[in-house]
């Protein structure tokens, strides 16, 4: 497998050229300083922190000390937009027992989190970040208690069922259950506004419930089969949240445009070749979401819990049990960039947050600025990089570069902690906290599973 080994920009650009890839590089970093308008809110620069789940909230869903620390560091780091992590709209929809969940009972603690996050940004940089909260139901990947999966799926999938504990049609959620979820999304959005968030994201990526609904070709009823039916739930939630929250509240969606999963179980894939991107439904979906009131988008792809996580985020070292991909990481990155460009072209003035940057390490600013300059995105999204190097935006904006000794090295250790059912962060750059936790959760997984 290829490993990142570029000592300078010439080596990187030479590799891009050898692979005949459409990835541009620039020394002009001025686009990163651009302000970006989202609805009626203004972000002070073009950096965004993507939703990075720590699996470390308190058992009632309220923010723990580690959650406070994470968002304080993100805000001090200077990004104009902070896209806060997955917040379960119902308890049974949690992906882990320590997933974030905003409720009426813990609302005060979320208000405090938002206030402290804004203050951290203001004190460090002279401005506050725009903050949105991701709303989710984990669907196939529900695990609200203990270590046993409790999957809730929109359709059976012979490829994923055995891996995710789906053994019966009884685990397929009914239309009535999906109908009942819509008010919970609205309620969570109302609570988010009361807590001080600037908006919410209706999460539809990475094969969680809404993402898999988009691909539910084999499902019967009003939420399966046709494009109109498969998109009905997402579009209805967006419409109802917009109605309830009004025009001054951001409604976003981070959604999969390409599942890398065979028909009739994947979205955005050619019916004959799962590795061929068919943009037709993704483009229709973007148009429909905007018509329903979305004013911020972020594309993603793939299923990070299956065999091809490089489709979601390229890496140097695989997680346990994941085969090393044959394609070069730069090929994976070009694919993600192409998805972003496709979405931004359809979205027009609606800003799109791009992803796929972390593997590029200290060259993120140069390639990100090139993408901004040519209009393929409005924001450069930082995911794993933000765990490792939360102050990267601040460094770039003030000094014009990233510190190569602070960057994410795409070792997949943060992912492995999640797979071990633990609390996650950067084991390498934030080792004082997360190296002992990584060891602890590995030992617990071995004791639990015997391997």
Protein backbone atom coordinates (compact mmCIF):
# COMPACT_ATOMS: atom_id res chain seq x y z
CA UNK A 1 0.00 0.00 0.00
CA UNK A 2 1.17 3.52 -0.75
CA UNK A 3 2.19 5.67 2.20
CA UNK A 4 2.44 9.44 2.35
CA UNK A 5 6.10 10.25 1.67
CA UNK A 6 6.09 13.65 -0.01
CA UNK A 7 8.84 15.87 1.38
CA UNK A 8 7.88 18.85 -0.74
CA UNK A 9 5.15 20.11 -3.04
CA UNK A 10 7.08 19.20 -6.18
CA UNK A 11 7.00 15.52 -5.23
CA UNK A 12 3.28 15.66 -4.57
CA UNK A 13 2.52 17.42 -7.83
CA UNK A 14 4.70 14.99 -9.74
CA UNK A 15 2.73 12.06 -8.30
CA UNK A 16 -0.57 13.74 -9.21
CA UNK A 17 0.69 14.21 -12.76
CA UNK A 18 1.93 10.62 -13.04
CA UNK A 19 -1.48 9.34 -12.00
CA UNK A 20 -3.20 11.74 -14.46
CA UNK A 21 -5.45 13.14 -11.74
CA UNK A 22 -7.54 16.28 -11.74
CA UNK A 23 -6.17 17.71 -8.48
CA UNK A 24 -4.91 21.29 -8.53
CA UNK A 25 -2.31 22.98 -6.33
CA UNK A 26 -1.73 26.67 -5.65
CA UNK A 27 0.60 28.83 -3.59
CA UNK A 28 -2.11 31.51 -3.36
CA UNK A 29 -3.90 30.82 -0.08
CA UNK A 30 -6.07 33.94 -0.16
CA UNK A 31 -9.27 31.97 -0.94
CA UNK A 32 -9.05 30.40 2.53
CA UNK A 33 -9.62 33.86 4.04
CA UNK A 34 -12.92 34.35 2.23
CA UNK A 35 -16.02 34.88 4.30
CA UNK A 36 -18.87 32.51 3.47
CA UNK A 37 -22.57 33.28 3.89
CA UNK A 38 -24.87 30.47 5.02
CA UNK A 39 -28.45 31.65 4.98
CA UNK A 40 -28.31 34.81 7.11
CA UNK A 41 -25.14 33.80 8.97
CA UNK A 42 -21.61 34.80 7.99
CA UNK A 43 -18.58 32.55 8.54
CA UNK A 44 -15.33 34.45 8.93
CA UNK A 45 -13.28 32.09 6.74
CA UNK A 46 -13.57 29.06 4.47
CA UNK A 47 -12.47 26.40 6.96
CA UNK A 48 -15.02 24.00 8.43
CA UNK A 49 -14.66 21.34 11.11
CA UNK A 50 -16.54 18.26 9.97
CA UNK A 51 -18.68 16.32 12.50
CA UNK A 52 -16.17 14.19 14.42
CA UNK A 53 -17.87 11.98 16.99
CA UNK A 54 -15.97 11.36 20.21
CA UNK A 55 -18.31 8.67 21.65
CA UNK A 56 -17.71 10.40 24.98
CA UNK A 57 -20.89 12.16 26.09
CA UNK A 58 -22.40 11.37 29.46
CA UNK A 59 -24.88 8.51 29.67
CA UNK A 60 -27.82 10.95 29.47
CA UNK A 61 -26.42 12.39 26.22
CA UNK A 62 -25.11 15.60 27.79
CA UNK A 63 -21.60 16.88 27.05
CA UNK A 64 -18.81 15.47 29.21
CA UNK A 65 -15.56 17.23 30.07
CA UNK A 66 -13.96 15.69 26.97
CA UNK A 67 -16.75 17.08 24.78
CA UNK A 68 -16.23 20.55 26.25
CA UNK A 69 -12.51 20.22 25.64
CA UNK A 70 -12.98 19.12 22.02
CA UNK A 71 -15.25 22.01 21.03
CA UNK A 72 -13.20 24.55 22.93
CA UNK A 73 -10.13 23.41 20.96
CA UNK A 74 -12.05 23.49 17.67
CA UNK A 75 -13.20 27.07 18.35
CA UNK A 76 -9.76 28.23 19.43
CA UNK A 77 -8.45 26.66 16.24
CA UNK A 78 -10.13 29.36 14.19
CA UNK A 79 -12.43 27.55 11.76
CA UNK A 80 -15.32 29.69 10.55
CA UNK A 81 -17.77 26.78 10.74
CA UNK A 82 -17.98 24.03 13.35
CA UNK A 83 -20.24 21.16 12.33
CA UNK A 84 -20.99 19.50 15.68
CA UNK A 85 -21.08 15.73 15.92
CA UNK A 86 -23.92 13.22 15.58
CA UNK A 87 -26.76 13.89 18.03
CA UNK A 88 -29.33 11.10 18.33
CA UNK A 89 -32.94 12.24 17.97
CA UNK A 90 -34.21 9.16 19.89
CA UNK A 91 -32.47 6.92 22.40
CA UNK A 92 -32.95 3.73 20.37
CA UNK A 93 -31.22 5.48 17.47
CA UNK A 94 -27.89 5.89 19.27
CA UNK A 95 -24.80 4.34 17.68
CA UNK A 96 -23.19 3.91 21.09
CA UNK A 97 -24.27 4.39 24.72
CA UNK A 98 -22.23 7.60 25.00
CA UNK A 99 -23.53 9.29 21.87
CA UNK A 100 -24.62 12.89 22.19
CA UNK A 101 -28.36 13.39 22.73
CA UNK A 102 -29.91 16.79 23.37
CA UNK A 103 -33.08 16.58 25.47
CA UNK A 104 -35.26 18.97 27.43
CA UNK A 105 -33.70 17.59 30.61
CA UNK A 106 -30.09 18.33 29.62
CA UNK A 107 -30.76 21.50 27.60
CA UNK A 108 -28.93 23.71 30.10
CA UNK A 109 -25.68 21.80 29.64
CA UNK A 110 -25.88 22.22 25.86
CA UNK A 111 -26.51 25.94 26.27
CA UNK A 112 -23.37 26.07 28.35
CA UNK A 113 -21.41 24.11 25.73
CA UNK A 114 -22.42 26.50 22.95
CA UNK A 115 -21.70 29.55 25.10
CA UNK A 116 -18.27 28.26 26.07
CA UNK A 117 -17.45 27.29 22.48
CA UNK A 118 -18.35 30.75 21.19
CA UNK A 119 -16.34 32.41 23.94
CA UNK A 120 -13.30 30.25 23.15
CA UNK A 121 -13.41 31.35 19.52
CA UNK A 122 -13.96 35.00 20.39
CA UNK A 123 -11.16 35.09 22.95
CA UNK A 124 -8.65 33.32 20.71
CA UNK A 125 -9.47 34.82 17.33
CA UNK A 126 -11.72 37.82 17.76
CA UNK A 127 -14.75 36.13 16.19
CA UNK A 128 -17.23 33.38 16.97
CA UNK A 129 -17.65 30.29 14.78
CA UNK A 130 -20.97 29.41 13.21
CA UNK A 131 -22.05 26.17 14.93
CA UNK A 132 -24.53 23.61 13.63
CA UNK A 133 -25.62 20.34 15.22
CA UNK A 134 -25.91 17.08 13.32
CA UNK A 135 -29.15 15.15 13.93
CA UNK A 136 -29.08 11.41 13.39
CA UNK A 137 -30.66 7.99 13.74
CA UNK A 138 -28.11 5.20 13.41
CA UNK A 139 -30.38 2.65 11.76
CA UNK A 140 -28.36 -0.45 10.91
CA UNK A 141 -25.66 0.65 13.33
CA UNK A 142 -27.80 1.26 16.43
CA UNK A 143 -26.18 0.19 19.71
CA UNK A 144 -27.80 2.25 22.46
CA UNK A 145 -26.76 -0.02 25.34
CA UNK A 146 -23.84 -2.32 26.06
CA UNK A 147 -21.87 -4.02 23.30
CA UNK A 148 -24.66 -5.84 21.46
CA UNK A 149 -25.95 -4.31 18.21
CA UNK A 150 -29.65 -3.41 18.01
CA UNK A 151 -30.02 -2.76 14.27
CA UNK A 152 -33.07 -1.05 12.83
CA UNK A 153 -33.00 -1.24 9.04
CA UNK A 154 -35.11 0.11 6.19
CA UNK A 155 -34.45 -2.99 4.06
CA UNK A 156 -32.64 -6.32 4.19
CA UNK A 157 -29.18 -6.35 2.61
CA UNK A 158 -27.49 -9.73 2.06
CA UNK A 159 -24.08 -8.06 1.97
CA UNK A 160 -24.36 -6.19 5.27
CA UNK A 161 -26.94 -8.17 7.27
CA UNK A 162 -24.52 -10.81 8.55
CA UNK A 163 -22.00 -8.20 9.62
CA UNK A 164 -24.50 -6.05 11.47
CA UNK A 165 -26.68 -8.54 13.34
CA UNK A 166 -29.71 -8.39 11.06
CA UNK A 167 -31.32 -11.83 11.06
CA UNK A 168 -35.04 -11.16 10.69
CA UNK A 169 -37.51 -9.07 8.74
CA UNK A 170 -38.79 -7.99 12.15
CA UNK A 171 -35.78 -5.64 12.29
CA UNK A 172 -37.10 -3.67 9.31
CA UNK A 173 -38.61 -0.39 10.52
CA UNK A 174 -42.23 0.20 9.54
CA UNK A 175 -43.62 3.20 7.71
CA UNK A 176 -45.44 4.07 10.92
CA UNK A 177 -42.16 4.14 12.85
CA UNK A 178 -40.56 6.39 10.23
CA UNK A 179 -43.59 8.69 10.35
CA UNK A 180 -43.22 8.88 14.13
CA UNK A 181 -39.56 9.93 13.84
CA UNK A 182 -40.27 13.13 11.90
CA UNK A 183 -41.56 15.06 14.97
CA UNK A 184 -38.47 13.96 16.90
CA UNK A 185 -36.20 15.56 14.30
CA UNK A 186 -38.26 18.75 14.54
CA UNK A 187 -38.19 18.66 18.35
CA UNK A 188 -34.41 18.15 18.35
CA UNK A 189 -34.02 21.09 15.97
CA UNK A 190 -36.15 23.31 18.21
CA UNK A 191 -34.04 22.32 21.22
CA UNK A 192 -30.87 23.02 19.23
CA UNK A 193 -32.07 26.53 18.47
CA UNK A 194 -32.95 27.07 22.13
CA UNK A 195 -29.47 25.83 23.10
CA UNK A 196 -27.91 28.47 20.85
CA UNK A 197 -26.84 26.48 17.80
CA UNK A 198 -27.04 28.33 14.49
CA UNK A 199 -28.56 25.39 12.67
CA UNK A 200 -28.94 21.63 12.31
CA UNK A 201 -27.84 19.00 9.85
CA UNK A 202 -30.20 16.20 8.84
CA UNK A 203 -27.61 13.43 8.58
CA UNK A 204 -27.98 11.17 5.54
CA UNK A 205 -24.52 9.66 5.08
CA UNK A 206 -22.42 6.57 5.86
CA UNK A 207 -25.27 4.04 5.69
CA UNK A 208 -27.06 5.24 8.81
CA UNK A 209 -30.85 5.20 8.67
CA UNK A 210 -31.61 8.04 6.24
CA UNK A 211 -28.60 7.18 4.08
CA UNK A 212 -29.83 3.60 3.71
CA UNK A 213 -33.35 4.80 3.05
CA UNK A 214 -32.01 6.65 -0.01
CA UNK A 215 -30.88 3.25 -1.32
CA UNK A 216 -33.99 1.24 -0.31
CA UNK A 217 -34.87 0.01 -3.79
CA UNK A 218 -36.29 -3.26 -2.43
CA UNK A 219 -38.46 -1.71 0.30
CA UNK A 220 -42.21 -1.69 -0.16
CA UNK A 221 -44.48 1.19 0.79
CA UNK A 222 -44.16 4.94 0.64
CA UNK A 223 -40.48 5.03 1.72
CA UNK A 224 -39.06 2.54 -0.78
CA UNK A 225 -38.73 1.71 -4.46
CA UNK A 226 -38.97 4.86 -6.55
CA UNK A 227 -36.70 7.88 -6.20
CA UNK A 228 -39.62 9.91 -4.87
CA UNK A 229 -40.32 7.31 -2.18
CA UNK A 230 -36.69 6.73 -1.18
CA UNK A 231 -36.09 10.46 -0.70
CA UNK A 232 -39.47 11.14 0.92
CA UNK A 233 -38.32 10.84 4.54
CA UNK A 234 -35.26 13.09 4.19
CA UNK A 235 -37.14 15.74 2.23
CA UNK A 236 -40.08 15.68 4.64
CA UNK A 237 -37.79 16.15 7.64
CA UNK A 238 -36.03 19.06 5.94
CA UNK A 239 -39.36 20.65 5.04
CA UNK A 240 -40.82 20.24 8.54
CA UNK A 241 -37.69 21.53 10.27
CA UNK A 242 -37.65 24.56 8.01
CA UNK A 243 -41.32 25.27 8.72
CA UNK A 244 -40.82 24.99 12.47
CA UNK A 245 -37.56 26.95 12.73
CA UNK A 246 -38.06 29.73 10.20
CA UNK A 247 -35.71 31.37 7.72
CA UNK A 248 -33.03 32.56 10.14
CA UNK A 249 -32.01 29.06 11.23
CA UNK A 250 -29.59 27.00 9.12
CA UNK A 251 -30.91 23.69 7.79
CA UNK A 252 -28.11 21.54 6.39
CA UNK A 253 -27.58 18.00 5.17
CA UNK A 254 -24.43 15.90 5.09
CA UNK A 255 -25.36 13.13 2.69
CA UNK A 256 -23.87 10.30 0.69
CA UNK A 257 -23.73 10.82 -3.04
CA UNK A 258 -22.10 7.42 -3.67
CA UNK A 259 -22.29 4.29 -1.51
CA UNK A 260 -19.78 2.01 -3.31
CA UNK A 261 -22.39 -0.69 -2.77
CA UNK A 262 -24.08 -2.81 -5.44
CA UNK A 263 -27.58 -2.25 -6.78
CA UNK A 264 -30.27 -2.63 -5.47
CA UNK A 265 -28.69 -1.81 -2.10
CA UNK A 266 -26.58 1.25 -2.89
CA UNK A 267 -27.21 4.90 -3.75
CA UNK A 268 -25.42 6.81 -6.50
CA UNK A 269 -23.97 3.67 -8.10
CA UNK A 270 -24.35 2.35 -11.62
CA UNK A 271 -26.70 -0.64 -11.69
CA UNK A 272 -24.10 -2.82 -13.37
CA UNK A 273 -20.87 -1.54 -11.82
CA UNK A 274 -20.91 -0.47 -8.15
CA UNK A 275 -17.63 1.44 -8.63
CA UNK A 276 -19.09 3.67 -11.32
CA UNK A 277 -20.65 6.89 -10.02
CA UNK A 278 -24.11 7.63 -11.40
CA UNK A 279 -24.73 11.26 -10.48
CA UNK A 280 -28.29 11.47 -11.78
CA UNK A 281 -30.10 10.75 -8.49
CA UNK A 282 -27.62 12.73 -6.40
CA UNK A 283 -28.19 15.76 -8.60
CA UNK A 284 -31.96 15.36 -8.35
CA UNK A 285 -31.67 15.05 -4.59
CA UNK A 286 -29.59 18.23 -4.26
CA UNK A 287 -32.16 20.17 -6.25
CA UNK A 288 -35.01 18.75 -4.16
CA UNK A 289 -33.28 19.48 -0.85
CA UNK A 290 -32.71 23.10 -1.84
CA UNK A 291 -36.35 23.43 -2.87
CA UNK A 292 -37.33 22.19 0.60
CA UNK A 293 -35.15 24.79 2.32
CA UNK A 294 -31.61 23.49 2.77
CA UNK A 295 -28.98 26.25 2.85
CA UNK A 296 -25.81 24.21 3.52
CA UNK A 297 -24.61 20.88 2.11
CA UNK A 298 -21.74 18.50 2.62
CA UNK A 299 -21.21 15.48 0.41
CA UNK A 300 -19.69 12.25 1.60
CA UNK A 301 -19.49 8.69 0.29
CA UNK A 302 -19.06 5.06 1.20
CA UNK A 303 -19.54 3.09 4.37
CA UNK A 304 -16.69 3.48 6.90
CA UNK A 305 -17.79 0.28 8.65
CA UNK A 306 -17.53 -2.01 5.61
CA UNK A 307 -14.64 -3.15 3.40
CA UNK A 308 -13.99 0.05 1.46
CA UNK A 309 -13.57 2.86 4.01
CA UNK A 310 -11.12 4.61 1.68
CA UNK A 311 -14.19 5.76 -0.27
CA UNK A 312 -15.07 7.85 2.80
CA UNK A 313 -11.56 8.77 3.97
CA UNK A 314 -8.23 7.65 2.47
CA UNK A 315 -5.68 6.31 4.95
CA UNK A 316 -2.17 4.92 5.25
CA UNK A 317 -2.92 2.14 7.73
CA UNK A 318 -6.12 0.08 7.82
CA UNK A 319 -8.26 -0.59 10.85
CA UNK A 320 -8.26 -4.15 12.18
CA UNK A 321 -9.78 -6.58 9.68
CA UNK A 322 -10.03 -4.05 6.83
CA UNK A 323 -8.12 -4.99 3.66
CA UNK A 324 -5.69 -2.46 2.23
CA UNK A 325 -7.17 -0.85 -0.90
CA UNK A 326 -5.44 -1.31 -4.22
CA UNK A 327 -6.02 2.24 -5.43
CA UNK A 328 -3.67 5.11 -4.58
CA UNK A 329 -4.98 7.47 -1.90
CA UNK A 330 -4.80 10.34 -4.38
CA UNK A 331 -7.27 8.46 -6.59
CA UNK A 332 -9.65 8.21 -3.62
CA UNK A 333 -9.18 11.93 -2.97
CA UNK A 334 -9.86 12.87 -6.58
CA UNK A 335 -13.11 10.89 -6.40
CA UNK A 336 -14.25 12.82 -3.33
CA UNK A 337 -13.27 16.13 -4.91
CA UNK A 338 -15.27 15.22 -8.01
CA UNK A 339 -18.33 14.50 -5.86
CA UNK A 340 -18.02 17.91 -4.18
CA UNK A 341 -17.67 19.69 -7.49
CA UNK A 342 -20.73 17.89 -8.86
CA UNK A 343 -22.82 18.91 -5.85
CA UNK A 344 -21.57 22.52 -5.79
CA UNK A 345 -22.36 22.93 -9.49
CA UNK A 346 -25.98 21.95 -8.87
CA UNK A 347 -26.21 23.84 -5.57
CA UNK A 348 -25.13 27.17 -7.06
CA UNK A 349 -24.95 29.78 -4.30
CA UNK A 350 -25.73 27.23 -1.58
CA UNK A 351 -22.34 26.48 0.04
CA UNK A 352 -20.91 22.96 -0.07
CA UNK A 353 -18.36 21.71 2.46
CA UNK A 354 -15.85 19.45 0.76
CA UNK A 355 -14.05 16.53 2.37
CA UNK A 356 -11.19 14.12 1.70
CA UNK A 357 -8.39 16.49 2.74
CA UNK A 358 -6.78 14.98 5.84
CA UNK A 359 -4.45 12.54 4.05
CA UNK A 360 -2.82 15.50 2.27
CA UNK A 361 -1.32 16.68 5.56
CA UNK A 362 0.63 19.97 5.30
CA UNK A 363 -0.48 20.45 1.68
CA UNK A 364 -4.18 20.77 2.64
CA UNK A 365 -4.11 24.59 2.40
CA UNK A 366 -2.64 24.60 -1.10
CA UNK A 367 -5.01 22.03 -2.58
CA UNK A 368 -7.96 23.35 -0.60
CA UNK A 369 -7.34 26.90 -1.83
CA UNK A 370 -7.15 25.62 -5.40
CA UNK A 371 -10.56 23.97 -5.02
CA UNK A 372 -12.01 27.18 -3.58
CA UNK A 373 -10.50 29.24 -6.39
CA UNK A 374 -12.08 27.12 -9.12
CA UNK A 375 -15.44 27.06 -7.34
CA UNK A 376 -15.75 23.34 -6.68
CA UNK A 377 -16.55 23.99 -2.98
CA UNK A 378 -17.20 26.92 -0.63
CA UNK A 379 -15.61 25.34 2.46
CA UNK A 380 -12.62 23.10 3.13
CA UNK A 381 -13.79 20.46 5.58
CA UNK A 382 -11.35 19.03 8.13
CA UNK A 383 -12.26 15.70 9.71
CA UNK A 384 -9.59 13.46 11.28
CA UNK A 385 -7.16 16.33 10.83
CA UNK A 386 -9.21 18.31 13.35
CA UNK A 387 -8.74 15.60 15.99
CA UNK A 388 -4.98 15.71 15.46
CA UNK A 389 -4.49 19.40 14.74
CA UNK A 390 -7.49 21.48 15.87
CA UNK A 391 -5.61 24.77 15.45
CA UNK A 392 -4.68 24.10 11.81
CA UNK A 393 -7.04 26.81 10.43
CA UNK A 394 -5.57 29.41 12.79
CA UNK A 395 -2.00 28.49 11.80
CA UNK A 396 -2.80 28.68 8.10
CA UNK A 397 -4.67 31.97 8.36
CA UNK A 398 -1.94 33.60 10.47
CA UNK A 399 1.26 32.04 9.09
CA UNK A 400 0.29 30.68 5.66
CA UNK A 401 1.19 27.07 6.46
CA UNK A 402 0.48 23.98 8.52
CA UNK A 403 3.04 22.41 10.85
CA UNK A 404 4.02 19.01 9.44
CA UNK A 405 4.74 17.81 12.99
CA UNK A 406 1.10 18.33 13.99
CA UNK A 407 -0.79 16.86 11.03
CA UNK A 408 -2.93 13.73 10.99
CA UNK A 409 -0.90 10.74 9.74
CA UNK A 410 -4.01 8.74 8.70
CA UNK A 411 -3.09 5.78 10.93
CA UNK A 412 -6.75 4.83 11.59
CA UNK A 413 -6.18 4.64 15.35
CA UNK A 414 -9.05 7.06 16.01
CA UNK A 415 -11.29 4.80 13.93
CA UNK A 416 -10.06 1.69 15.68
CA UNK A 417 -11.02 3.07 19.11
CA UNK A 418 -14.58 3.50 17.83
CA UNK A 419 -14.56 -0.03 16.45
CA UNK A 420 -13.42 -1.19 19.90
CA UNK A 421 -16.46 0.62 21.39
CA UNK A 422 -14.34 3.27 23.07
CA UNK A 423 -13.88 7.00 23.46
CA UNK A 424 -12.01 8.38 20.49
CA UNK A 425 -9.50 11.09 19.59
CA UNK A 426 -6.00 11.37 18.16
CA UNK A 427 -3.73 8.74 19.70
CA UNK A 428 -0.61 10.25 18.09
CA UNK A 429 -0.95 14.02 18.52
CA UNK A 430 -3.11 13.98 21.65
CA UNK A 431 -1.41 10.98 23.19
CA UNK A 432 -1.56 12.01 26.85
CA UNK A 433 -5.30 11.48 26.82
CA UNK A 434 -5.96 9.03 24.00
CA UNK A 435 -3.00 6.62 24.00
CA UNK A 436 -4.03 5.12 27.37
CA UNK A 437 -7.66 5.01 26.22
CA UNK A 438 -6.70 3.23 23.00
CA UNK A 439 -4.83 0.60 25.00
CA UNK A 440 -7.70 0.21 27.46
CA UNK A 441 -10.39 -0.27 24.84
CA UNK A 442 -8.26 -2.69 22.81
CA UNK A 443 -7.78 -4.83 25.90
CA UNK A 444 -11.49 -4.70 26.66
CA UNK A 445 -12.37 -5.74 23.11
CA UNK A 446 -9.93 -8.67 23.23
CA UNK A 447 -11.35 -9.79 26.57
CA UNK A 448 -14.89 -9.46 25.23
CA UNK A 449 -14.35 -11.15 21.88
CA UNK A 450 -11.33 -13.31 22.57
CA UNK A 451 -9.36 -11.81 19.66
